[in-house]
mmCIF file of all heavy atoms, coordinates in Angstrom:
data_MODEL
# 
_entry.id   MODEL 
# 
loop_
_atom_site.group_PDB 
_atom_site.id 
_atom_site.type_symbol 
_atom_site.label_atom_id 
_atom_site.label_alt_id 
_atom_site.label_comp_id 
_atom_site.label_asym_id 
_atom_site.label_entity_id 
_atom_site.label_seq_id 
_atom_site.pdbx_PDB_ins_code 
_atom_site.Cartn_x 
_atom_site.Cartn_y 
_atom_site.Cartn_z 
_atom_site.occupancy 
_atom_site.B_iso_or_equiv 
_atom_site.pdbx_formal_charge 
_atom_site.auth_seq_id 
_atom_site.auth_comp_id 
_atom_site.auth_asym_id 
_atom_site.auth_atom_id 
_atom_site.pdbx_PDB_model_num 
ATOM 1   N N   . GLY A 1 1  ? -44.510 -83.326 -43.092 1.00 0.00 ? 1  GLY A N   1 
ATOM 2   C CA  . GLY A 1 1  ? -45.218 -82.083 -43.377 1.00 0.00 ? 1  GLY A CA  1 
ATOM 3   C C   . GLY A 1 1  ? -44.299 -80.883 -43.297 1.00 0.00 ? 1  GLY A C   1 
ATOM 4   O O   . GLY A 1 1  ? -44.391 -79.963 -44.131 1.00 0.00 ? 1  GLY A O   1 
ATOM 5   N N   . MET A 1 2  ? -43.414 -80.900 -42.303 1.00 0.00 ? 2  MET A N   1 
ATOM 6   C CA  . MET A 1 2  ? -42.469 -79.796 -42.165 1.00 0.00 ? 2  MET A CA  1 
ATOM 7   C C   . MET A 1 2  ? -41.574 -79.695 -43.389 1.00 0.00 ? 2  MET A C   1 
ATOM 8   O O   . MET A 1 2  ? -41.399 -78.616 -43.971 1.00 0.00 ? 2  MET A O   1 
ATOM 9   C CB  . MET A 1 2  ? -41.639 -79.996 -40.887 1.00 0.00 ? 2  MET A CB  1 
ATOM 10  C CG  . MET A 1 2  ? -40.601 -78.914 -40.625 1.00 0.00 ? 2  MET A CG  1 
ATOM 11  S SD  . MET A 1 2  ? -39.001 -79.213 -41.450 1.00 0.00 ? 2  MET A SD  1 
ATOM 12  C CE  . MET A 1 2  ? -38.468 -80.726 -40.649 1.00 0.00 ? 2  MET A CE  1 
ATOM 13  N N   . TRP A 1 3  ? -41.035 -80.830 -43.847 1.00 0.00 ? 3  TRP A N   1 
ATOM 14  C CA  . TRP A 1 3  ? -40.128 -80.785 -44.997 1.00 0.00 ? 3  TRP A CA  1 
ATOM 15  C C   . TRP A 1 3  ? -40.876 -80.506 -46.301 1.00 0.00 ? 3  TRP A C   1 
ATOM 16  O O   . TRP A 1 3  ? -40.338 -79.857 -47.209 1.00 0.00 ? 3  TRP A O   1 
ATOM 17  C CB  . TRP A 1 3  ? -39.310 -82.070 -45.090 1.00 0.00 ? 3  TRP A CB  1 
ATOM 18  C CG  . TRP A 1 3  ? -38.013 -81.937 -44.359 1.00 0.00 ? 3  TRP A CG  1 
ATOM 19  C CD1 . TRP A 1 3  ? -37.625 -82.578 -43.220 1.00 0.00 ? 3  TRP A CD1 1 
ATOM 20  C CD2 . TRP A 1 3  ? -36.925 -81.082 -44.721 1.00 0.00 ? 3  TRP A CD2 1 
ATOM 21  N NE1 . TRP A 1 3  ? -36.378 -82.173 -42.830 1.00 0.00 ? 3  TRP A NE1 1 
ATOM 22  C CE2 . TRP A 1 3  ? -35.921 -81.253 -43.743 1.00 0.00 ? 3  TRP A CE2 1 
ATOM 23  C CE3 . TRP A 1 3  ? -36.708 -80.177 -45.760 1.00 0.00 ? 3  TRP A CE3 1 
ATOM 24  C CZ2 . TRP A 1 3  ? -34.713 -80.553 -43.790 1.00 0.00 ? 3  TRP A CZ2 1 
ATOM 25  C CZ3 . TRP A 1 3  ? -35.504 -79.479 -45.807 1.00 0.00 ? 3  TRP A CZ3 1 
ATOM 26  C CH2 . TRP A 1 3  ? -34.520 -79.681 -44.832 1.00 0.00 ? 3  TRP A CH2 1 
ATOM 27  N N   . ALA A 1 4  ? -42.100 -80.966 -46.411 1.00 0.00 ? 4  ALA A N   1 
ATOM 28  C CA  . ALA A 1 4  ? -42.874 -80.646 -47.612 1.00 0.00 ? 4  ALA A CA  1 
ATOM 29  C C   . ALA A 1 4  ? -43.049 -79.143 -47.756 1.00 0.00 ? 4  ALA A C   1 
ATOM 30  O O   . ALA A 1 4  ? -42.974 -78.590 -48.868 1.00 0.00 ? 4  ALA A O   1 
ATOM 31  C CB  . ALA A 1 4  ? -44.232 -81.347 -47.555 1.00 0.00 ? 4  ALA A CB  1 
ATOM 32  N N   . ASP A 1 5  ? -43.287 -78.453 -46.647 1.00 0.00 ? 5  ASP A N   1 
ATOM 33  C CA  . ASP A 1 5  ? -43.411 -76.998 -46.680 1.00 0.00 ? 5  ASP A CA  1 
ATOM 34  C C   . ASP A 1 5  ? -42.045 -76.324 -46.849 1.00 0.00 ? 5  ASP A C   1 
ATOM 35  O O   . ASP A 1 5  ? -41.895 -75.345 -47.583 1.00 0.00 ? 5  ASP A O   1 
ATOM 36  C CB  . ASP A 1 5  ? -44.071 -76.500 -45.399 1.00 0.00 ? 5  ASP A CB  1 
ATOM 37  C CG  . ASP A 1 5  ? -45.511 -76.940 -45.271 1.00 0.00 ? 5  ASP A CG  1 
ATOM 38  O OD1 . ASP A 1 5  ? -46.129 -77.292 -46.300 1.00 0.00 ? 5  ASP A OD1 1 
ATOM 39  O OD2 . ASP A 1 5  ? -46.032 -76.946 -44.131 1.00 0.00 ? 5  ASP A OD2 1 
ATOM 40  N N   . ARG A 1 6  ? -41.052 -76.860 -46.195 1.00 0.00 ? 6  ARG A N   1 
ATOM 41  C CA  . ARG A 1 6  ? -39.722 -76.249 -46.158 1.00 0.00 ? 6  ARG A CA  1 
ATOM 42  C C   . ARG A 1 6  ? -39.028 -76.310 -47.519 1.00 0.00 ? 6  ARG A C   1 
ATOM 43  O O   . ARG A 1 6  ? -38.338 -75.366 -47.913 1.00 0.00 ? 6  ARG A O   1 
ATOM 44  C CB  . ARG A 1 6  ? -38.904 -76.985 -45.100 1.00 0.00 ? 6  ARG A CB  1 
ATOM 45  C CG  . ARG A 1 6  ? -37.562 -76.419 -44.737 1.00 0.00 ? 6  ARG A CG  1 
ATOM 46  C CD  . ARG A 1 6  ? -37.140 -77.094 -43.449 1.00 0.00 ? 6  ARG A CD  1 
ATOM 47  N NE  . ARG A 1 6  ? -35.781 -76.836 -43.066 1.00 0.00 ? 6  ARG A NE  1 
ATOM 48  C CZ  . ARG A 1 6  ? -35.258 -77.236 -41.908 1.00 0.00 ? 6  ARG A CZ  1 
ATOM 49  N NH1 . ARG A 1 6  ? -36.005 -77.918 -41.043 1.00 0.00 ? 6  ARG A NH1 1 
ATOM 50  N NH2 . ARG A 1 6  ? -34.007 -76.979 -41.614 1.00 0.00 ? 6  ARG A NH2 1 
ATOM 51  N N   . VAL A 1 7  ? -39.229 -77.407 -48.226 1.00 0.00 ? 7  VAL A N   1 
ATOM 52  C CA  . VAL A 1 7  ? -38.502 -77.582 -49.488 1.00 0.00 ? 7  VAL A CA  1 
ATOM 53  C C   . VAL A 1 7  ? -39.029 -76.669 -50.590 1.00 0.00 ? 7  VAL A C   1 
ATOM 54  O O   . VAL A 1 7  ? -38.355 -76.466 -51.601 1.00 0.00 ? 7  VAL A O   1 
ATOM 55  C CB  . VAL A 1 7  ? -38.531 -79.068 -49.924 1.00 0.00 ? 7  VAL A CB  1 
ATOM 56  C CG1 . VAL A 1 7  ? -39.863 -79.443 -50.553 1.00 0.00 ? 7  VAL A CG1 1 
ATOM 57  C CG2 . VAL A 1 7  ? -37.366 -79.392 -50.847 1.00 0.00 ? 7  VAL A CG2 1 
ATOM 58  N N   . VAL A 1 8  ? -40.211 -76.092 -50.402 1.00 0.00 ? 8  VAL A N   1 
ATOM 59  C CA  . VAL A 1 8  ? -40.717 -75.136 -51.394 1.00 0.00 ? 8  VAL A CA  1 
ATOM 60  C C   . VAL A 1 8  ? -40.719 -73.698 -50.886 1.00 0.00 ? 8  VAL A C   1 
ATOM 61  O O   . VAL A 1 8  ? -40.739 -72.760 -51.693 1.00 0.00 ? 8  VAL A O   1 
ATOM 62  C CB  . VAL A 1 8  ? -42.139 -75.512 -51.865 1.00 0.00 ? 8  VAL A CB  1 
ATOM 63  C CG1 . VAL A 1 8  ? -42.133 -76.835 -52.596 1.00 0.00 ? 8  VAL A CG1 1 
ATOM 64  C CG2 . VAL A 1 8  ? -43.133 -75.525 -50.711 1.00 0.00 ? 8  VAL A CG2 1 
ATOM 65  N N   . GLY A 1 9  ? -40.697 -73.495 -49.552 1.00 0.00 ? 9  GLY A N   1 
ATOM 66  C CA  . GLY A 1 9  ? -40.887 -72.148 -49.023 1.00 0.00 ? 9  GLY A CA  1 
ATOM 67  C C   . GLY A 1 9  ? -39.703 -71.513 -48.339 1.00 0.00 ? 9  GLY A C   1 
ATOM 68  O O   . GLY A 1 9  ? -39.719 -70.305 -48.087 1.00 0.00 ? 9  GLY A O   1 
ATOM 69  N N   . SER A 1 10 ? -38.664 -72.284 -48.055 1.00 0.00 ? 10 SER A N   1 
ATOM 70  C CA  . SER A 1 10 ? -37.571 -71.763 -47.249 1.00 0.00 ? 10 SER A CA  1 
ATOM 71  C C   . SER A 1 10 ? -36.478 -71.131 -48.097 1.00 0.00 ? 10 SER A C   1 
ATOM 72  O O   . SER A 1 10 ? -36.481 -71.211 -49.328 1.00 0.00 ? 10 SER A O   1 
ATOM 73  C CB  . SER A 1 10 ? -36.962 -72.890 -46.413 1.00 0.00 ? 10 SER A CB  1 
ATOM 74  O OG  . SER A 1 10 ? -36.250 -73.792 -47.253 1.00 0.00 ? 10 SER A OG  1 
ATOM 75  N N   . THR A 1 11 ? -35.503 -70.539 -47.422 1.00 0.00 ? 11 THR A N   1 
ATOM 76  C CA  . THR A 1 11 ? -34.337 -69.994 -48.099 1.00 0.00 ? 11 THR A CA  1 
ATOM 77  C C   . THR A 1 11 ? -33.572 -71.078 -48.840 1.00 0.00 ? 11 THR A C   1 
ATOM 78  O O   . THR A 1 11 ? -32.978 -70.820 -49.901 1.00 0.00 ? 11 THR A O   1 
ATOM 79  C CB  . THR A 1 11 ? -33.426 -69.291 -47.083 1.00 0.00 ? 11 THR A CB  1 
ATOM 80  O OG1 . THR A 1 11 ? -34.154 -68.224 -46.467 1.00 0.00 ? 11 THR A OG1 1 
ATOM 81  C CG2 . THR A 1 11 ? -32.186 -68.708 -47.745 1.00 0.00 ? 11 THR A CG2 1 
ATOM 82  N N   . LEU A 1 12 ? -33.579 -72.280 -48.299 1.00 0.00 ? 12 LEU A N   1 
ATOM 83  C CA  . LEU A 1 12 ? -32.941 -73.405 -48.996 1.00 0.00 ? 12 LEU A CA  1 
ATOM 84  C C   . LEU A 1 12 ? -33.522 -73.564 -50.395 1.00 0.00 ? 12 LEU A C   1 
ATOM 85  O O   . LEU A 1 12 ? -32.784 -73.750 -51.374 1.00 0.00 ? 12 LEU A O   1 
ATOM 86  C CB  . LEU A 1 12 ? -33.139 -74.695 -48.193 1.00 0.00 ? 12 LEU A CB  1 
ATOM 87  C CG  . LEU A 1 12 ? -32.514 -75.964 -48.773 1.00 0.00 ? 12 LEU A CG  1 
ATOM 88  C CD1 . LEU A 1 12 ? -31.017 -76.010 -48.491 1.00 0.00 ? 12 LEU A CD1 1 
ATOM 89  C CD2 . LEU A 1 12 ? -33.182 -77.207 -48.199 1.00 0.00 ? 12 LEU A CD2 1 
ATOM 90  N N   . ALA A 1 13 ? -34.843 -73.489 -50.518 1.00 0.00 ? 13 ALA A N   1 
ATOM 91  C CA  . ALA A 1 13 ? -35.497 -73.602 -51.823 1.00 0.00 ? 13 ALA A CA  1 
ATOM 92  C C   . ALA A 1 13 ? -35.085 -72.458 -52.739 1.00 0.00 ? 13 ALA A C   1 
ATOM 93  O O   . ALA A 1 13 ? -34.752 -72.673 -53.919 1.00 0.00 ? 13 ALA A O   1 
ATOM 94  C CB  . ALA A 1 13 ? -37.010 -73.607 -51.639 1.00 0.00 ? 13 ALA A CB  1 
ATOM 95  N N   . ASP A 1 14 ? -35.085 -71.252 -52.221 1.00 0.00 ? 14 ASP A N   1 
ATOM 96  C CA  . ASP A 1 14 ? -34.718 -70.095 -53.042 1.00 0.00 ? 14 ASP A CA  1 
ATOM 97  C C   . ASP A 1 14 ? -33.293 -70.213 -53.564 1.00 0.00 ? 14 ASP A C   1 
ATOM 98  O O   . ASP A 1 14 ? -33.014 -69.913 -54.729 1.00 0.00 ? 14 ASP A O   1 
ATOM 99  C CB  . ASP A 1 14 ? -34.861 -68.806 -52.232 1.00 0.00 ? 14 ASP A CB  1 
ATOM 100 C CG  . ASP A 1 14 ? -36.297 -68.527 -51.828 1.00 0.00 ? 14 ASP A CG  1 
ATOM 101 O OD1 . ASP A 1 14 ? -37.216 -69.052 -52.490 1.00 0.00 ? 14 ASP A OD1 1 
ATOM 102 O OD2 . ASP A 1 14 ? -36.502 -67.787 -50.839 1.00 0.00 ? 14 ASP A OD2 1 
ATOM 103 N N   . GLN A 1 15 ? -32.387 -70.660 -52.699 1.00 0.00 ? 15 GLN A N   1 
ATOM 104 C CA  . GLN A 1 15 ? -30.998 -70.795 -53.117 1.00 0.00 ? 15 GLN A CA  1 
ATOM 105 C C   . GLN A 1 15 ? -30.841 -71.888 -54.174 1.00 0.00 ? 15 GLN A C   1 
ATOM 106 O O   . GLN A 1 15 ? -30.078 -71.736 -55.134 1.00 0.00 ? 15 GLN A O   1 
ATOM 107 C CB  . GLN A 1 15 ? -30.119 -71.118 -51.911 1.00 0.00 ? 15 GLN A CB  1 
ATOM 108 C CG  . GLN A 1 15 ? -29.981 -69.961 -50.942 1.00 0.00 ? 15 GLN A CG  1 
ATOM 109 C CD  . GLN A 1 15 ? -29.217 -70.367 -49.697 1.00 0.00 ? 15 GLN A CD  1 
ATOM 110 O OE1 . GLN A 1 15 ? -28.013 -70.235 -49.642 1.00 0.00 ? 15 GLN A OE1 1 
ATOM 111 N NE2 . GLN A 1 15 ? -29.932 -70.884 -48.706 1.00 0.00 ? 15 GLN A NE2 1 
ATOM 112 N N   . ALA A 1 16 ? -31.548 -73.010 -53.992 1.00 0.00 ? 16 ALA A N   1 
ATOM 113 C CA  . ALA A 1 16 ? -31.454 -74.105 -54.957 1.00 0.00 ? 16 ALA A CA  1 
ATOM 114 C C   . ALA A 1 16 ? -31.905 -73.647 -56.342 1.00 0.00 ? 16 ALA A C   1 
ATOM 115 O O   . ALA A 1 16 ? -31.274 -73.979 -57.352 1.00 0.00 ? 16 ALA A O   1 
ATOM 116 C CB  . ALA A 1 16 ? -32.293 -75.290 -54.478 1.00 0.00 ? 16 ALA A CB  1 
ATOM 117 N N   . VAL A 1 17 ? -32.982 -72.873 -56.393 1.00 0.00 ? 17 VAL A N   1 
ATOM 118 C CA  . VAL A 1 17 ? -33.482 -72.380 -57.686 1.00 0.00 ? 17 VAL A CA  1 
ATOM 119 C C   . VAL A 1 17 ? -32.536 -71.338 -58.268 1.00 0.00 ? 17 VAL A C   1 
ATOM 120 O O   . VAL A 1 17 ? -32.177 -71.385 -59.458 1.00 0.00 ? 17 VAL A O   1 
ATOM 121 C CB  . VAL A 1 17 ? -34.904 -71.812 -57.531 1.00 0.00 ? 17 VAL A CB  1 
ATOM 122 C CG1 . VAL A 1 17 ? -35.355 -71.125 -58.817 1.00 0.00 ? 17 VAL A CG1 1 
ATOM 123 C CG2 . VAL A 1 17 ? -35.879 -72.920 -57.147 1.00 0.00 ? 17 VAL A CG2 1 
ATOM 124 N N   . ARG A 1 18 ? -32.113 -70.406 -57.440 1.00 0.00 ? 18 ARG A N   1 
ATOM 125 C CA  . ARG A 1 18 ? -31.244 -69.323 -57.927 1.00 0.00 ? 18 ARG A CA  1 
ATOM 126 C C   . ARG A 1 18 ? -29.915 -69.855 -58.467 1.00 0.00 ? 18 ARG A C   1 
ATOM 127 O O   . ARG A 1 18 ? -29.372 -69.318 -59.446 1.00 0.00 ? 18 ARG A O   1 
ATOM 128 C CB  . ARG A 1 18 ? -30.986 -68.330 -56.791 1.00 0.00 ? 18 ARG A CB  1 
ATOM 129 C CG  . ARG A 1 18 ? -30.223 -67.088 -57.219 1.00 0.00 ? 18 ARG A CG  1 
ATOM 130 C CD  . ARG A 1 18 ? -30.220 -66.032 -56.137 1.00 0.00 ? 18 ARG A CD  1 
ATOM 131 N NE  . ARG A 1 18 ? -29.537 -66.463 -54.922 1.00 0.00 ? 18 ARG A NE  1 
ATOM 132 C CZ  . ARG A 1 18 ? -30.158 -66.743 -53.770 1.00 0.00 ? 18 ARG A CZ  1 
ATOM 133 N NH1 . ARG A 1 18 ? -31.473 -66.633 -53.664 1.00 0.00 ? 18 ARG A NH1 1 
ATOM 134 N NH2 . ARG A 1 18 ? -29.471 -67.107 -52.703 1.00 0.00 ? 18 ARG A NH2 1 
ATOM 135 N N   . ARG A 1 19 ? -29.423 -70.919 -57.872 1.00 0.00 ? 19 ARG A N   1 
ATOM 136 C CA  . ARG A 1 19 ? -28.134 -71.475 -58.299 1.00 0.00 ? 19 ARG A CA  1 
ATOM 137 C C   . ARG A 1 19 ? -28.270 -72.513 -59.411 1.00 0.00 ? 19 ARG A C   1 
ATOM 138 O O   . ARG A 1 19 ? -27.292 -73.124 -59.816 1.00 0.00 ? 19 ARG A O   1 
ATOM 139 C CB  . ARG A 1 19 ? -27.431 -72.091 -57.089 1.00 0.00 ? 19 ARG A CB  1 
ATOM 140 C CG  . ARG A 1 19 ? -27.061 -71.061 -56.038 1.00 0.00 ? 19 ARG A CG  1 
ATOM 141 C CD  . ARG A 1 19 ? -26.570 -71.696 -54.748 1.00 0.00 ? 19 ARG A CD  1 
ATOM 142 N NE  . ARG A 1 19 ? -26.373 -70.682 -53.721 1.00 0.00 ? 19 ARG A NE  1 
ATOM 143 C CZ  . ARG A 1 19 ? -26.056 -70.956 -52.456 1.00 0.00 ? 19 ARG A CZ  1 
ATOM 144 N NH1 . ARG A 1 19 ? -25.900 -72.226 -52.071 1.00 0.00 ? 19 ARG A NH1 1 
ATOM 145 N NH2 . ARG A 1 19 ? -25.896 -69.987 -51.577 1.00 0.00 ? 19 ARG A NH2 1 
ATOM 146 N N   . GLY A 1 20 ? -29.495 -72.721 -59.868 1.00 0.00 ? 20 GLY A N   1 
ATOM 147 C CA  . GLY A 1 20 ? -29.706 -73.664 -60.956 1.00 0.00 ? 20 GLY A CA  1 
ATOM 148 C C   . GLY A 1 20 ? -29.618 -75.119 -60.549 1.00 0.00 ? 20 GLY A C   1 
ATOM 149 O O   . GLY A 1 20 ? -29.469 -76.002 -61.402 1.00 0.00 ? 20 GLY A O   1 
ATOM 150 N N   . LEU A 1 21 ? -29.767 -75.403 -59.258 1.00 0.00 ? 21 LEU A N   1 
ATOM 151 C CA  . LEU A 1 21 ? -29.689 -76.775 -58.770 1.00 0.00 ? 21 LEU A CA  1 
ATOM 152 C C   . LEU A 1 21 ? -31.021 -77.511 -58.904 1.00 0.00 ? 21 LEU A C   1 
ATOM 153 O O   . LEU A 1 21 ? -31.053 -78.741 -58.937 1.00 0.00 ? 21 LEU A O   1 
ATOM 154 C CB  . LEU A 1 21 ? -29.246 -76.787 -57.298 1.00 0.00 ? 21 LEU A CB  1 
ATOM 155 C CG  . LEU A 1 21 ? -27.898 -76.140 -56.990 1.00 0.00 ? 21 LEU A CG  1 
ATOM 156 C CD1 . LEU A 1 21 ? -27.661 -76.089 -55.490 1.00 0.00 ? 21 LEU A CD1 1 
ATOM 157 C CD2 . LEU A 1 21 ? -26.770 -76.895 -57.686 1.00 0.00 ? 21 LEU A CD2 1 
ATOM 158 N N   . ALA A 1 22 ? -32.118 -76.766 -58.955 1.00 0.00 ? 22 ALA A N   1 
ATOM 159 C CA  . ALA A 1 22 ? -33.451 -77.357 -59.071 1.00 0.00 ? 22 ALA A CA  1 
ATOM 160 C C   . ALA A 1 22 ? -34.401 -76.300 -59.587 1.00 0.00 ? 22 ALA A C   1 
ATOM 161 O O   . ALA A 1 22 ? -34.175 -75.091 -59.436 1.00 0.00 ? 22 ALA A O   1 
ATOM 162 C CB  . ALA A 1 22 ? -33.936 -77.877 -57.722 1.00 0.00 ? 22 ALA A CB  1 
ATOM 163 N N   . SER A 1 23 ? -35.494 -76.745 -60.195 1.00 0.00 ? 23 SER A N   1 
ATOM 164 C CA  . SER A 1 23 ? -36.560 -75.845 -60.616 1.00 0.00 ? 23 SER A CA  1 
ATOM 165 C C   . SER A 1 23 ? -37.661 -75.851 -59.559 1.00 0.00 ? 23 SER A C   1 
ATOM 166 O O   . SER A 1 23 ? -37.701 -76.723 -58.681 1.00 0.00 ? 23 SER A O   1 
ATOM 167 C CB  . SER A 1 23 ? -37.139 -76.301 -61.950 1.00 0.00 ? 23 SER A CB  1 
ATOM 168 O OG  . SER A 1 23 ? -37.817 -77.553 -61.794 1.00 0.00 ? 23 SER A OG  1 
ATOM 169 N N   . ARG A 1 24 ? -38.578 -74.903 -59.649 1.00 0.00 ? 24 ARG A N   1 
ATOM 170 C CA  . ARG A 1 24 ? -39.718 -74.904 -58.730 1.00 0.00 ? 24 ARG A CA  1 
ATOM 171 C C   . ARG A 1 24 ? -40.545 -76.179 -58.899 1.00 0.00 ? 24 ARG A C   1 
ATOM 172 O O   . ARG A 1 24 ? -41.065 -76.723 -57.930 1.00 0.00 ? 24 ARG A O   1 
ATOM 173 C CB  . ARG A 1 24 ? -40.588 -73.671 -58.971 1.00 0.00 ? 24 ARG A CB  1 
ATOM 174 C CG  . ARG A 1 24 ? -39.928 -72.370 -58.571 1.00 0.00 ? 24 ARG A CG  1 
ATOM 175 C CD  . ARG A 1 24 ? -39.769 -72.239 -57.066 1.00 0.00 ? 24 ARG A CD  1 
ATOM 176 N NE  . ARG A 1 24 ? -39.051 -71.019 -56.697 1.00 0.00 ? 24 ARG A NE  1 
ATOM 177 C CZ  . ARG A 1 24 ? -38.682 -70.715 -55.459 1.00 0.00 ? 24 ARG A CZ  1 
ATOM 178 N NH1 . ARG A 1 24 ? -38.964 -71.550 -54.473 1.00 0.00 ? 24 ARG A NH1 1 
ATOM 179 N NH2 . ARG A 1 24 ? -38.041 -69.595 -55.208 1.00 0.00 ? 24 ARG A NH2 1 
ATOM 180 N N   . ALA A 1 25 ? -40.635 -76.666 -60.126 1.00 0.00 ? 25 ALA A N   1 
ATOM 181 C CA  . ALA A 1 25 ? -41.366 -77.918 -60.363 1.00 0.00 ? 25 ALA A CA  1 
ATOM 182 C C   . ALA A 1 25 ? -40.667 -79.088 -59.673 1.00 0.00 ? 25 ALA A C   1 
ATOM 183 O O   . ALA A 1 25 ? -41.326 -79.980 -59.114 1.00 0.00 ? 25 ALA A O   1 
ATOM 184 C CB  . ALA A 1 25 ? -41.491 -78.181 -61.860 1.00 0.00 ? 25 ALA A CB  1 
ATOM 185 N N   . ASP A 1 26 ? -39.333 -79.110 -59.719 1.00 0.00 ? 26 ASP A N   1 
ATOM 186 C CA  . ASP A 1 26 ? -38.581 -80.156 -59.010 1.00 0.00 ? 26 ASP A CA  1 
ATOM 187 C C   . ASP A 1 26 ? -38.900 -80.131 -57.518 1.00 0.00 ? 26 ASP A C   1 
ATOM 188 O O   . ASP A 1 26 ? -39.114 -81.171 -56.881 1.00 0.00 ? 26 ASP A O   1 
ATOM 189 C CB  . ASP A 1 26 ? -37.079 -79.948 -59.190 1.00 0.00 ? 26 ASP A CB  1 
ATOM 190 C CG  . ASP A 1 26 ? -36.608 -80.146 -60.614 1.00 0.00 ? 26 ASP A CG  1 
ATOM 191 O OD1 . ASP A 1 26 ? -37.260 -80.907 -61.351 1.00 0.00 ? 26 ASP A OD1 1 
ATOM 192 O OD2 . ASP A 1 26 ? -35.581 -79.539 -60.973 1.00 0.00 ? 26 ASP A OD2 1 
ATOM 193 N N   . LEU A 1 27 ? -38.921 -78.928 -56.955 1.00 0.00 ? 27 LEU A N   1 
ATOM 194 C CA  . LEU A 1 27 ? -39.164 -78.797 -55.516 1.00 0.00 ? 27 LEU A CA  1 
ATOM 195 C C   . LEU A 1 27 ? -40.586 -79.211 -55.156 1.00 0.00 ? 27 LEU A C   1 
ATOM 196 O O   . LEU A 1 27 ? -40.816 -79.827 -54.099 1.00 0.00 ? 27 LEU A O   1 
ATOM 197 C CB  . LEU A 1 27 ? -38.885 -77.361 -55.073 1.00 0.00 ? 27 LEU A CB  1 
ATOM 198 C CG  . LEU A 1 27 ? -37.443 -76.873 -55.280 1.00 0.00 ? 27 LEU A CG  1 
ATOM 199 C CD1 . LEU A 1 27 ? -37.302 -75.430 -54.815 1.00 0.00 ? 27 LEU A CD1 1 
ATOM 200 C CD2 . LEU A 1 27 ? -36.441 -77.770 -54.570 1.00 0.00 ? 27 LEU A CD2 1 
# 
């Protein structure tokens, strides 16, 4: 549950999207 929330809501998620490593749909 923690990682399900973290992978879409944390700074890690924002950085992955901003750097083109993943889309929001991927997350």
